[in-house]
Amino acid sequence: MTLHNVQGRYDVAAQEDRSAPRTRIVIPAQLRASGMRSFQTVVNDLSLSGFSATAVTRMHPGSMCWLTLPGLESLQAEVVWWENGLCGCAFSNLISPIVHENILARYRGDGTYRG
């Protein structure tokens, strides 16, 4: 078995063994990959430990990125996977459960902001 196959299996297992439940949601946001300009994205799910979002531009696993949600400072994350215009990222630091709950309370599943 090659190192690439081992790493691929690890990545899949890591995604399956998520440390926090993910909530399906639609949040307009900005995403910036290291060394690139930020672009508009939509966060599709969010947990204390990470998120998935649209990313038409290829995102490279292992690279750093920053997610900016409305009204919050940028959150640093590492790209875990990219496939067919979607990426999954793990936050460098878990987000606070209070911040997480506030984000969920502000957005319904359709991306509508409730202030």
PDB file of N, CA and C in Angstrom:
ATOM      1  N   MET A   1       0.848  -1.171   0.000  1.00  0.00           N
ATOM      2  CA  MET A   1       0.000   0.000   0.000  1.00  0.00           C
ATOM      3  C   MET A   1       0.894   1.234   0.000  1.00  0.00           C
ATOM      4  N   THR A   2       0.608   2.189  -0.877  1.00  0.00           N
ATOM      5  CA  THR A   2       1.430   3.385  -0.972  1.00  0.00           C
ATOM      6  C   THR A   2       1.035   4.392   0.104  1.00  0.00           C
ATOM      7  N   LEU A   3       1.938   5.335   0.352  1.00  0.00           N
ATOM      8  CA  LEU A   3       1.674   6.392   1.324  1.00  0.00           C
ATOM      9  C   LEU A   3       0.442   7.187   0.906  1.00  0.00           C
ATOM     10  N   HIS A   4       0.272   7.417  -0.398  1.00  0.00           N
ATOM     11  CA  HIS A   4      -0.879   8.168  -0.895  1.00  0.00           C
ATOM     12  C   HIS A   4      -2.177   7.452  -0.533  1.00  0.00           C
ATOM     13  N   ASN A   5      -2.226   6.130  -0.688  1.00  0.00           N
ATOM     14  CA  ASN A   5      -3.430   5.368  -0.344  1.00  0.00           C
ATOM     15  C   ASN A   5      -3.716   5.439   1.152  1.00  0.00           C
ATOM     16  N   VAL A   6      -2.658   5.349   1.963  1.00  0.00           N
ATOM     17  CA  VAL A   6      -2.832   5.442   3.413  1.00  0.00           C
ATOM     18  C   VAL A   6      -3.384   6.810   3.775  1.00  0.00           C
ATOM     19  N   GLN A   7      -2.799   7.871   3.200  1.00  0.00           N
ATOM     20  CA  GLN A   7      -3.256   9.233   3.486  1.00  0.00           C
ATOM     21  C   GLN A   7      -4.701   9.399   3.040  1.00  0.00           C
ATOM     22  N   GLY A   8      -5.056   8.870   1.877  1.00  0.00           N
ATOM     23  CA  GLY A   8      -6.426   8.967   1.383  1.00  0.00           C
ATOM     24  C   GLY A   8      -7.408   8.298   2.315  1.00  0.00           C
ATOM     25  N   ARG A   9      -7.057   7.117   2.815  1.00  0.00           N
ATOM     26  CA  ARG A   9      -7.929   6.413   3.762  1.00  0.00           C
ATOM     27  C   ARG A   9      -8.056   7.183   5.065  1.00  0.00           C
ATOM     28  N   TYR A  10      -6.955   7.771   5.519  1.00  0.00           N
ATOM     29  CA  TYR A  10      -6.988   8.572   6.743  1.00  0.00           C
ATOM     30  C   TYR A  10      -7.924   9.761   6.577  1.00  0.00           C
ATOM     31  N   ASP A  11      -7.819  10.460   5.434  1.00  0.00           N
ATOM     32  CA  ASP A  11      -8.669  11.623   5.191  1.00  0.00           C
ATOM     33  C   ASP A  11     -10.147  11.238   5.222  1.00  0.00           C
ATOM     34  N   VAL A  12     -10.483  10.116   4.591  1.00  0.00           N
ATOM     35  CA  VAL A  12     -11.871   9.662   4.581  1.00  0.00           C
ATOM     36  C   VAL A  12     -12.320   9.337   6.004  1.00  0.00           C
ATOM     37  N   ALA A  13     -11.491   8.614   6.751  1.00  0.00           N
ATOM     38  CA  ALA A  13     -11.837   8.252   8.121  1.00  0.00           C
ATOM     39  C   ALA A  13     -11.989   9.492   8.997  1.00  0.00           C
ATOM     40  N   ALA A  14     -11.116  10.460   8.802  1.00  0.00           N
ATOM     41  CA  ALA A  14     -11.183  11.682   9.600  1.00  0.00           C
ATOM     42  C   ALA A  14     -12.489  12.418   9.339  1.00  0.00           C
ATOM     43  N   GLN A  15     -12.936  12.423   8.100  1.00  0.00           N
ATOM     44  CA  GLN A  15     -14.192  13.079   7.777  1.00  0.00           C
ATOM     45  C   GLN A  15     -15.369  12.328   8.382  1.00  0.00           C
ATOM     46  N   GLU A  16     -15.302  11.023   8.403  1.00  0.00           N
ATOM     47  CA  GLU A  16     -16.404  10.229   8.938  1.00  0.00           C
ATOM     48  C   GLU A  16     -16.475  10.316  10.454  1.00  0.00           C
ATOM     49  N   ASP A  17     -15.323  10.501  11.107  1.00  0.00           N
ATOM     50  CA  ASP A  17     -15.272  10.551  12.562  1.00  0.00           C
ATOM     51  C   ASP A  17     -15.215  12.011  13.012  1.00  0.00           C
ATOM     52  N   ARG A  18     -16.218  12.761  12.673  1.00  0.00           N
ATOM     53  CA  ARG A  18     -16.230  14.178  12.996  1.00  0.00           C
ATOM     54  C   ARG A  18     -16.412  14.366  14.489  1.00  0.00           C
ATOM     55  N   SER A  19     -15.745  15.381  15.022  1.00  0.00           N
ATOM     56  CA  SER A  19     -15.774  15.592  16.462  1.00  0.00           C
ATOM     57  C   SER A  19     -17.014  16.347  16.923  1.00  0.00           C
ATOM     58  N   ALA A  20     -17.783  16.906  16.020  1.00  0.00           N
ATOM     59  CA  ALA A  20     -18.983  17.654  16.409  1.00  0.00           C
ATOM     60  C   ALA A  20     -20.039  17.466  15.332  1.00  0.00           C
ATOM     61  N   PRO A  21     -21.306  17.399  15.742  1.00  0.00           N
ATOM     62  CA  PRO A  21     -22.362  17.252  14.738  1.00  0.00           C
ATOM     63  C   PRO A  21     -22.429  18.463  13.825  1.00  0.00           C
ATOM     64  N   ARG A  22     -22.729  18.219  12.563  1.00  0.00           N
ATOM     65  CA  ARG A  22     -22.823  19.296  11.585  1.00  0.00           C
ATOM     66  C   ARG A  22     -24.274  19.651  11.354  1.00  0.00           C
ATOM     67  N   THR A  23     -24.546  20.938  11.232  1.00  0.00           N
ATOM     68  CA  THR A  23     -25.890  21.429  10.981  1.00  0.00           C
ATOM     69  C   THR A  23     -25.959  21.930   9.546  1.00  0.00           C
ATOM     70  N   ARG A  24     -26.908  21.380   8.767  1.00  0.00           N
ATOM     71  CA  ARG A  24     -27.122  21.853   7.399  1.00  0.00           C
ATOM     72  C   ARG A  24     -27.686  23.263   7.487  1.00  0.00           C
ATOM     73  N   ILE A  25     -27.098  24.178   6.724  1.00  0.00           N
ATOM     74  CA  ILE A  25     -27.481  25.578   6.790  1.00  0.00           C
ATOM     75  C   ILE A  25     -27.039  26.256   5.507  1.00  0.00           C
ATOM     76  N   VAL A  26     -27.561  27.421   5.226  1.00  0.00           N
ATOM     77  CA  VAL A  26     -27.144  28.193   4.059  1.00  0.00           C
ATOM     78  C   VAL A  26     -26.746  29.577   4.549  1.00  0.00           C
ATOM     79  N   ILE A  27     -25.442  29.867   4.506  1.00  0.00           N
ATOM     80  CA  ILE A  27     -24.945  31.167   4.966  1.00  0.00           C
ATOM     81  C   ILE A  27     -24.053  31.763   3.887  1.00  0.00           C
ATOM     82  N   PRO A  28     -24.390  32.931   3.353  1.00  0.00           N
ATOM     83  CA  PRO A  28     -23.474  33.599   2.433  1.00  0.00           C
ATOM     84  C   PRO A  28     -22.243  34.056   3.211  1.00  0.00           C
ATOM     85  N   ALA A  29     -21.071  33.839   2.639  1.00  0.00           N
ATOM     86  CA  ALA A  29     -19.827  34.152   3.345  1.00  0.00           C
ATOM     87  C   ALA A  29     -18.739  34.443   2.328  1.00  0.00           C
ATOM     88  N   GLN A  30     -17.538  34.699   2.833  1.00  0.00           N
ATOM     89  CA  GLN A  30     -16.358  34.852   1.980  1.00  0.00           C
ATOM     90  C   GLN A  30     -15.337  33.818   2.413  1.00  0.00           C
ATOM     91  N   LEU A  31     -14.619  33.294   1.429  1.00  0.00           N
ATOM     92  CA  LEU A  31     -13.582  32.303   1.686  1.00  0.00           C
ATOM     93  C   LEU A  31     -12.327  32.750   0.951  1.00  0.00           C
ATOM     94  N   ARG A  32     -11.192  32.645   1.631  1.00  0.00           N
ATOM     95  CA  ARG A  32      -9.917  33.014   1.002  1.00  0.00           C
ATOM     96  C   ARG A  32      -8.908  31.918   1.260  1.00  0.00           C
ATOM     97  N   ALA A  33      -8.398  31.348   0.190  1.00  0.00           N
ATOM     98  CA  ALA A  33      -7.322  30.365   0.296  1.00  0.00           C
ATOM     99  C   ALA A  33      -6.004  31.114   0.445  1.00  0.00           C
ATOM    100  N   SER A  34      -5.040  30.496   1.110  1.00  0.00           N
ATOM    101  CA  SER A  34      -3.733  31.098   1.322  1.00  0.00           C
ATOM    102  C   SER A  34      -3.137  31.559  -0.010  1.00  0.00           C
ATOM    103  N   GLY A  35      -2.722  32.825  -0.063  1.00  0.00           N
ATOM    104  CA  GLY A  35      -2.099  33.373  -1.262  1.00  0.00           C
ATOM    105  C   GLY A  35      -3.068  33.767  -2.357  1.00  0.00           C
ATOM    106  N   MET A  36      -4.368  33.662  -2.102  1.00  0.00           N
ATOM    107  CA  MET A  36      -5.371  33.971  -3.125  1.00  0.00           C
ATOM    108  C   MET A  36      -6.267  35.117  -2.644  1.00  0.00           C
ATOM    109  N   ARG A  37      -7.081  35.627  -3.558  1.00  0.00           N
ATOM    110  CA  ARG A  37      -8.076  36.631  -3.193  1.00  0.00           C
ATOM    111  C   ARG A  37      -9.302  35.925  -2.643  1.00  0.00           C
ATOM    112  N   SER A  38     -10.045  36.616  -1.803  1.00  0.00           N
ATOM    113  CA  SER A  38     -11.263  36.020  -1.255  1.00  0.00           C
ATOM    114  C   SER A  38     -12.341  35.981  -2.339  1.00  0.00           C
ATOM    115  N   PHE A  39     -13.277  35.055  -2.174  1.00  0.00           N
ATOM    116  CA  PHE A  39     -14.391  34.935  -3.110  1.00  0.00           C
ATOM    117  C   PHE A  39     -15.667  34.651  -2.325  1.00  0.00           C
ATOM    118  N   GLN A  40     -16.795  34.979  -2.951  1.00  0.00           N
ATOM    119  CA  GLN A  40     -18.091  34.728  -2.334  1.00  0.00           C
ATOM    120  C   GLN A  40     -18.345  33.225  -2.320  1.00  0.00           C
ATOM    121  N   THR A  41     -18.908  32.747  -1.227  1.00  0.00           N
ATOM    122  CA  THR A  41     -19.205  31.335  -1.080  1.00  0.00           C
ATOM    123  C   THR A  41     -20.511  31.182  -0.327  1.00  0.00           C
ATOM    124  N   VAL A  42     -20.970  29.954  -0.227  1.00  0.00           N
ATOM    125  CA  VAL A  42     -22.123  29.627   0.598  1.00  0.00           C
ATOM    126  C   VAL A  42     -21.711  28.476   1.501  1.00  0.00           C
ATOM    127  N   VAL A  43     -21.843  28.674   2.807  1.00  0.00           N
ATOM    128  CA  VAL A  43     -21.554  27.614   3.773  1.00  0.00           C
ATOM    129  C   VAL A  43     -22.762  26.683   3.786  1.00  0.00           C
ATOM    130  N   ASN A  44     -22.502  25.390   3.560  1.00  0.00           N
ATOM    131  CA  ASN A  44     -23.572  24.389   3.466  1.00  0.00           C
ATOM    132  C   ASN A  44     -23.824  23.662   4.773  1.00  0.00           C
ATOM    133  N   ASP A  45     -22.797  23.512   5.573  1.00  0.00           N
ATOM    134  CA  ASP A  45     -22.966  22.947   6.903  1.00  0.00           C
ATOM    135  C   ASP A  45     -21.874  23.489   7.809  1.00  0.00           C
ATOM    136  N   LEU A  46     -22.171  23.482   9.089  1.00  0.00           N
ATOM    137  CA  LEU A  46     -21.284  24.120  10.053  1.00  0.00           C
ATOM    138  C   LEU A  46     -21.301  23.319  11.349  1.00  0.00           C
ATOM    139  N   SER A  47     -20.122  23.143  11.920  1.00  0.00           N
ATOM    140  CA  SER A  47     -20.003  22.520  13.238  1.00  0.00           C
ATOM    141  C   SER A  47     -18.989  23.319  14.040  1.00  0.00           C
ATOM    142  N   LEU A  48     -18.779  22.905  15.265  1.00  0.00           N
ATOM    143  CA  LEU A  48     -17.774  23.565  16.088  1.00  0.00           C
ATOM    144  C   LEU A  48     -16.385  23.385  15.504  1.00  0.00           C
ATOM    145  N   SER A  49     -16.192  22.306  14.729  1.00  0.00           N
ATOM    146  CA  SER A  49     -14.855  21.968  14.246  1.00  0.00           C
ATOM    147  C   SER A  49     -14.611  22.248  12.768  1.00  0.00           C
ATOM    148  N   GLY A  50     -15.660  22.585  12.002  1.00  0.00           N
ATOM    149  CA  GLY A  50     -15.419  22.820  10.593  1.00  0.00           C
ATOM    150  C   GLY A  50     -16.681  23.145   9.815  1.00  0.00           C
ATOM    151  N   PHE A  51     -16.534  23.126   8.486  1.00  0.00           N
ATOM    152  CA  PHE A  51     -17.635  23.507   7.610  1.00  0.00           C
ATOM    153  C   PHE A  51     -17.414  22.928   6.221  1.00  0.00           C
ATOM    154  N   SER A  52     -18.464  22.949   5.427  1.00  0.00           N
ATOM    155  CA  SER A  52     -18.318  22.713   3.995  1.00  0.00           C
ATOM    156  C   SER A  52     -18.921  23.908   3.291  1.00  0.00           C
ATOM    157  N   ALA A  53     -18.380  24.221   2.129  1.00  0.00           N
ATOM    158  CA  ALA A  53     -18.815  25.406   1.397  1.00  0.00           C
ATOM    159  C   ALA A  53     -18.577  25.217  -0.093  1.00  0.00           C
ATOM    160  N   THR A  54     -19.245  26.047  -0.887  1.00  0.00           N
ATOM    161  CA  THR A  54     -18.995  26.028  -2.323  1.00  0.00           C
ATOM    162  C   THR A  54     -17.625  26.635  -2.591  1.00  0.00           C
ATOM    163  N   ALA A  55     -16.925  26.075  -3.559  1.00  0.00           N
ATOM    164  CA  ALA A  55     -15.600  26.576  -3.942  1.00  0.00           C
ATOM    165  C   ALA A  55     -15.342  26.151  -5.375  1.00  0.00           C
ATOM    166  N   VAL A  56     -15.778  26.973  -6.310  1.00  0.00           N
ATOM    167  CA  VAL A  56     -15.613  26.642  -7.720  1.00  0.00           C
ATOM    168  C   VAL A  56     -14.138  26.519  -8.071  1.00  0.00           C
ATOM    169  N   THR A  57     -13.310  27.386  -7.456  1.00  0.00           N
ATOM    170  CA  THR A  57     -11.866  27.304  -7.639  1.00  0.00           C
ATOM    171  C   THR A  57     -11.338  26.134  -6.816  1.00  0.00           C
ATOM    172  N   ARG A  58     -10.454  25.341  -7.407  1.00  0.00           N
ATOM    173  CA  ARG A  58      -9.906  24.178  -6.700  1.00  0.00           C
ATOM    174  C   ARG A  58      -9.209  24.605  -5.411  1.00  0.00           C
ATOM    175  N   MET A  59      -9.538  23.898  -4.347  1.00  0.00           N
ATOM    176  CA  MET A  59      -8.902  24.111  -3.041  1.00  0.00           C
ATOM    177  C   MET A  59      -8.044  22.873  -2.784  1.00  0.00           C
ATOM    178  N   HIS A  60      -6.807  23.067  -2.368  1.00  0.00           N
ATOM    179  CA  HIS A  60      -5.877  21.963  -2.203  1.00  0.00           C
ATOM    180  C   HIS A  60      -5.843  21.471  -0.761  1.00  0.00           C
ATOM    181  N   PRO A  61      -6.162  20.189  -0.530  1.00  0.00           N
ATOM    182  CA  PRO A  61      -6.110  19.639   0.830  1.00  0.00           C
ATOM    183  C   PRO A  61      -4.755  19.924   1.481  1.00  0.00           C
ATOM    184  N   GLY A  62      -4.826  20.329   2.740  1.00  0.00           N
ATOM    185  CA  GLY A  62      -3.620  20.676   3.484  1.00  0.00           C
ATOM    186  C   GLY A  62      -3.317  22.159   3.469  1.00  0.00           C
ATOM    187  N   SER A  63      -3.940  22.909   2.553  1.00  0.00           N
ATOM    188  CA  SER A  63      -3.678  24.349   2.505  1.00  0.00           C
ATOM    189  C   SER A  63      -4.560  25.083   3.506  1.00  0.00           C
ATOM    190  N   MET A  64      -4.109  26.260   3.908  1.00  0.00           N
ATOM    191  CA  MET A  64      -4.845  27.068   4.871  1.00  0.00           C
ATOM    192  C   MET A  64      -5.829  27.960   4.135  1.00  0.00           C
ATOM    193  N   CYS A  65      -6.932  28.287   4.821  1.00  0.00           N
ATOM    194  CA  CYS A  65      -7.910  29.212   4.266  1.00  0.00           C
ATOM    195  C   CYS A  65      -8.553  29.978   5.417  1.00  0.00           C
ATOM    196  N   TRP A  66      -9.300  31.011   5.062  1.00  0.00           N
ATOM    197  CA  TRP A  66      -9.974  31.829   6.056  1.00  0.00           C
ATOM    198  C   TRP A  66     -11.415  32.029   5.617  1.00  0.00           C
ATOM    199  N   LEU A  67     -12.338  31.716   6.529  1.00  0.00           N
ATOM    200  CA  LEU A  67     -13.764  31.873   6.295  1.00  0.00           C
ATOM    201  C   LEU A  67     -14.240  33.104   7.046  1.00  0.00           C
ATOM    202  N   THR A  68     -14.939  33.992   6.349  1.00  0.00           N
ATOM    203  CA  THR A  68     -15.505  35.172   6.994  1.00  0.00           C
ATOM    204  C   THR A  68     -17.019  35.096   6.893  1.00  0.00           C
ATOM    205  N   LEU A  69     -17.641  34.882   8.035  1.00  0.00           N
ATOM    206  CA  LEU A  69     -19.096  34.869   8.139  1.00  0.00           C
ATOM    207  C   LEU A  69     -19.562  36.280   8.471  1.00  0.00           C
ATOM    208  N   PRO A  70     -20.763  36.670   8.045  1.00  0.00           N
ATOM    209  CA  PRO A  70     -21.240  38.033   8.316  1.00  0.00           C
ATOM    210  C   PRO A  70     -21.181  38.379   9.803  1.00  0.00           C
ATOM    211  N   GLY A  71     -20.562  39.510  10.111  1.00  0.00           N
ATOM    212  CA  GLY A  71     -20.508  39.996  11.483  1.00  0.00           C
ATOM    213  C   GLY A  71     -19.448  39.354  12.355  1.00  0.00           C
ATOM    214  N   LEU A  72     -18.621  38.477  11.788  1.00  0.00           N
ATOM    215  CA  LEU A  72     -17.584  37.810  12.580  1.00  0.00           C
ATOM    216  C   LEU A  72     -16.205  38.049  11.975  1.00  0.00           C
ATOM    217  N   GLU A  73     -15.188  37.880  12.805  1.00  0.00           N
ATOM    218  CA  GLU A  73     -13.812  37.924  12.307  1.00  0.00           C
ATOM    219  C   GLU A  73     -13.549  36.672  11.475  1.00  0.00           C
ATOM    220  N   SER A  74     -12.542  36.727  10.634  1.00  0.00           N
ATOM    221  CA  SER A  74     -12.177  35.567   9.818  1.00  0.00           C
ATOM    222  C   SER A  74     -11.754  34.407  10.697  1.00  0.00           C
ATOM    223  N   LEU A  75     -12.171  33.214  10.304  1.00  0.00           N
ATOM    224  CA  LEU A  75     -11.836  31.989  11.019  1.00  0.00           C
ATOM    225  C   LEU A  75     -10.859  31.184  10.181  1.00  0.00           C
ATOM    226  N   GLN A  76      -9.701  30.862  10.745  1.00  0.00           N
ATOM    227  CA  GLN A  76      -8.686  30.098  10.027  1.00  0.00           C
ATOM    228  C   GLN A  76      -9.064  28.627  10.013  1.00  0.00           C
ATOM    229  N   ALA A  77      -8.837  27.984   8.860  1.00  0.00           N
ATOM    230  CA  ALA A  77      -9.159  26.564   8.718  1.00  0.00           C
ATOM    231  C   ALA A  77      -8.166  25.918   7.767  1.00  0.00           C
ATOM    232  N   GLU A  78      -8.180  24.590   7.758  1.00  0.00           N
ATOM    233  CA  GLU A  78      -7.367  23.817   6.829  1.00  0.00           C
ATOM    234  C   GLU A  78      -8.298  23.061   5.889  1.00  0.00           C
ATOM    235  N   VAL A  79      -7.981  23.114   4.601  1.00  0.00           N
ATOM    236  CA  VAL A  79      -8.778  22.388   3.620  1.00  0.00           C
ATOM    237  C   VAL A  79      -8.535  20.891   3.813  1.00  0.00           C
ATOM    238  N   VAL A  80      -9.612  20.125   3.967  1.00  0.00           N
ATOM    239  CA  VAL A  80      -9.516  18.685   4.148  1.00  0.00           C
ATOM    240  C   VAL A  80      -9.808  17.973   2.833  1.00  0.00           C
ATOM    241  N   TRP A  81     -10.794  18.482   2.080  1.00  0.00           N
ATOM    242  CA  TRP A  81     -11.134  17.873   0.797  1.00  0.00           C
ATOM    243  C   TRP A  81     -11.749  18.918  -0.126  1.00  0.00           C
ATOM    244  N   TRP A  82     -11.658  18.671  -1.414  1.00  0.00           N
ATOM    245  CA  TRP A  82     -12.308  19.486  -2.441  1.00  0.00           C
ATOM    246  C   TRP A  82     -12.791  18.524  -3.515  1.00  0.00           C
ATOM    247  N   GLU A  83     -14.046  18.669  -3.914  1.00  0.00           N
ATOM    248  CA  GLU A  83     -14.592  17.804  -4.950  1.00  0.00           C
ATOM    249  C   GLU A  83     -15.781  18.483  -5.614  1.00  0.00           C
ATOM    250  N   ASN A  84     -15.742  18.567  -6.941  1.00  0.00           N
ATOM    251  CA  ASN A  84     -16.867  19.078  -7.740  1.00  0.00           C
ATOM    252  C   ASN A  84     -17.427  20.409  -7.235  1.00  0.00           C
ATOM    253  N   GLY A  85     -16.549  21.340  -6.927  1.00  0.00           N
ATOM    254  CA  GLY A  85     -16.988  22.672  -6.538  1.00  0.00           C
ATOM    255  C   GLY A  85     -17.401  22.823  -5.083  1.00  0.00           C
ATOM    256  N   LEU A  86     -17.106  21.830  -4.270  1.00  0.00           N
ATOM    257  CA  LEU A  86     -17.372  21.914  -2.831  1.00  0.00           C
ATOM    258  C   LEU A  86     -16.087  21.614  -2.075  1.00  0.00           C
ATOM    259  N   CYS A  87     -15.922  22.252  -0.916  1.00  0.00           N
ATOM    260  CA  CYS A  87     -14.756  21.941  -0.086  1.00  0.00           C
ATOM    261  C   CYS A  87     -15.202  21.712   1.346  1.00  0.00           C
ATOM    262  N   GLY A  88     -14.422  20.921   2.042  1.00  0.00           N
ATOM    263  CA  GLY A  88     -14.626  20.680   3.461  1.00  0.00           C
ATOM    264  C   GLY A  88     -13.388  21.137   4.203  1.00  0.00           C
ATOM    265  N   CYS A  89     -13.578  21.884   5.275  1.00  0.00           N
ATOM    266  CA  CYS A  89     -12.450  22.452   5.999  1.00  0.00           C
ATOM    267  C   CYS A  89     -12.608  22.252   7.499  1.00  0.00           C
ATOM    268  N   ALA A  90     -11.481  22.111   8.171  1.00  0.00           N
ATOM    269  CA  ALA A  90     -11.447  21.963   9.630  1.00  0.00           C
ATOM    270  C   ALA A  90     -10.877  23.240  10.226  1.00  0.00           C
ATOM    271  N   PHE A  91     -11.618  23.835  11.161  1.00  0.00           N
ATOM    272  CA  PHE A  91     -11.130  25.048  11.815  1.00  0.00           C
ATOM    273  C   PHE A  91      -9.831  24.764  12.559  1.00  0.00           C
ATOM    274  N   SER A  92      -8.918  25.741  12.553  1.00  0.00           N
ATOM    275  CA  SER A  92      -7.665  25.613  13.294  1.00  0.00           C
ATOM    276  C   SER A  92      -7.943  25.560  14.795  1.00  0.00           C
ATOM    277  N   ASN A  93      -8.948  26.295  15.233  1.00  0.00           N
ATOM    278  CA  ASN A  93      -9.403  26.282  16.629  1.00  0.00           C
ATOM    279  C   ASN A  93     -10.907  26.083  16.609  1.00  0.00           C
ATOM    280  N   LEU A  94     -11.398  25.226  17.492  1.00  0.00           N
ATOM    281  CA  LEU A  94     -12.844  25.036  17.567  1.00  0.00           C
ATOM    282  C   LEU A  94     -13.514  26.383  17.809  1.00  0.00           C
ATOM    283  N   ILE A  95     -14.674  26.581  17.179  1.00  0.00           N
ATOM    284  CA  ILE A  95     -15.396  27.811  17.476  1.00  0.00           C
ATOM    285  C   ILE A  95     -16.188  27.603  18.764  1.00  0.00           C
ATOM    286  N   SER A  96     -16.435  28.672  19.443  1.00  0.00           N
ATOM    287  CA  SER A  96     -17.156  28.630  20.702  1.00  0.00           C
ATOM    288  C   SER A  96     -18.575  28.110  20.493  1.00  0.00           C
ATOM    289  N   PRO A  97     -19.065  27.256  21.378  1.00  0.00           N
ATOM    290  CA  PRO A  97     -20.454  26.791  21.264  1.00  0.00           C
ATOM    291  C   PRO A  97     -21.451  27.952  21.266  1.00  0.00           C
ATOM    292  N   ILE A  98     -21.145  29.025  21.988  1.00  0.00           N
ATOM    293  CA  ILE A  98     -22.034  30.191  22.022  1.00  0.00           C
ATOM    294  C   ILE A  98     -22.061  30.872  20.659  1.00  0.00           C
ATOM    295  N   VAL A  99     -20.883  31.055  20.047  1.00  0.00           N
ATOM    296  CA  VAL A  99     -20.811  31.652  18.708  1.00  0.00           C
ATOM    297  C   VAL A  99     -21.540  30.760  17.714  1.00  0.00           C
ATOM    298  N   HIS A 100     -21.326  29.457  17.799  1.00  0.00           N
ATOM    299  CA  HIS A 100     -21.979  28.495  16.909  1.00  0.00           C
ATOM    300  C   HIS A 100     -23.497  28.613  17.026  1.00  0.00           C
ATOM    301  N   GLU A 101     -24.019  28.620  18.231  1.00  0.00           N
ATOM    302  CA  GLU A 101     -25.464  28.727  18.452  1.00  0.00           C
ATOM    303  C   GLU A 101     -26.009  30.054  17.926  1.00  0.00           C
ATOM    304  N   ASN A 102     -25.241  31.136  18.126  1.00  0.00           N
ATOM    305  CA  ASN A 102     -25.676  32.445  17.623  1.00  0.00           C
ATOM    306  C   ASN A 102     -25.758  32.454  16.101  1.00  0.00           C
ATOM    307  N   ILE A 103     -24.793  31.840  15.450  1.00  0.00           N
ATOM    308  CA  ILE A 103     -24.808  31.758  13.979  1.00  0.00           C
ATOM    309  C   ILE A 103     -26.040  30.983  13.530  1.00  0.00           C
ATOM    310  N   LEU A 104     -26.284  29.829  14.143  1.00  0.00           N
ATOM    311  CA  LEU A 104     -27.431  29.012  13.762  1.00  0.00           C
ATOM    312  C   LEU A 104     -28.744  29.750  14.013  1.00  0.00           C
ATOM    313  N   ALA A 105     -28.801  30.511  15.113  1.00  0.00           N
ATOM    314  CA  ALA A 105     -30.018  31.250  15.439  1.00  0.00           C
ATOM    315  C   ALA A 105     -30.279  32.376  14.438  1.00  0.00           C
ATOM    316  N   ARG A 106     -29.208  32.928  13.852  1.00  0.00           N
ATOM    317  CA  ARG A 106     -29.367  34.045  12.913  1.00  0.00           C
ATOM    318  C   ARG A 106     -29.796  33.616  11.525  1.00  0.00           C
ATOM    319  N   TYR A 107     -29.557  32.367  11.177  1.00  0.00           N
ATOM    320  CA  TYR A 107     -29.838  31.921   9.812  1.00  0.00           C
ATOM    321  C   TYR A 107     -30.810  30.764   9.796  1.00  0.00           C
ATOM    322  N   ARG A 108     -31.782  30.880   8.923  1.00  0.00           N
ATOM    323  CA  ARG A 108     -32.636  29.726   8.655  1.00  0.00           C
ATOM    324  C   ARG A 108     -31.939  28.950   7.549  1.00  0.00           C
ATOM    325  N   GLY A 109     -32.458  27.812   7.181  1.00  0.00           N
ATOM    326  CA  GLY A 109     -31.863  26.983   6.141  1.00  0.00           C
ATOM    327  C   GLY A 109     -31.793  27.623   4.776  1.00  0.00           C
ATOM    328  N   ASP A 110     -32.532  28.727   4.556  1.00  0.00           N
ATOM    329  CA  ASP A 110     -32.547  29.355   3.236  1.00  0.00           C
ATOM    330  C   ASP A 110     -31.580  30.539   3.106  1.00  0.00           C
ATOM    331  N   GLY A 111     -30.757  30.773   4.127  1.00  0.00           N
ATOM    332  CA  GLY A 111     -29.769  31.845   4.055  1.00  0.00           C
ATOM    333  C   GLY A 111     -30.296  33.186   4.487  1.00  0.00           C
ATOM    334  N   THR A 112     -31.544  33.240   4.964  1.00  0.00           N
ATOM    335  CA  THR A 112     -32.125  34.493   5.412  1.00  0.00           C
ATOM    336  C   THR A 112     -31.554  34.883   6.767  1.00  0.00           C
ATOM    337  N   TYR A 113     -31.062  36.098   6.859  1.00  0.00           N
ATOM    338  CA  TYR A 113     -30.486  36.600   8.106  1.00  0.00           C
ATOM    339  C   TYR A 113     -31.603  37.071   9.031  1.00  0.00           C
ATOM    340  N   ARG A 114     -31.514  36.652  10.284  1.00  0.00           N
ATOM    341  CA  ARG A 114     -32.461  37.130  11.300  1.00  0.00           C
ATOM    342  C   ARG A 114     -31.642  37.824  12.382  1.00  0.00           C
ATOM    343  N   GLY A 115     -31.691  39.149  12.420  1.00  0.00           N
ATOM    344  CA  GLY A 115     -30.852  39.938  13.313  1.00  0.00           C
ATOM    345  C   GLY A 115     -31.230  39.967  14.714  1.00  0.00           C
TER     346      GLY A 115
END
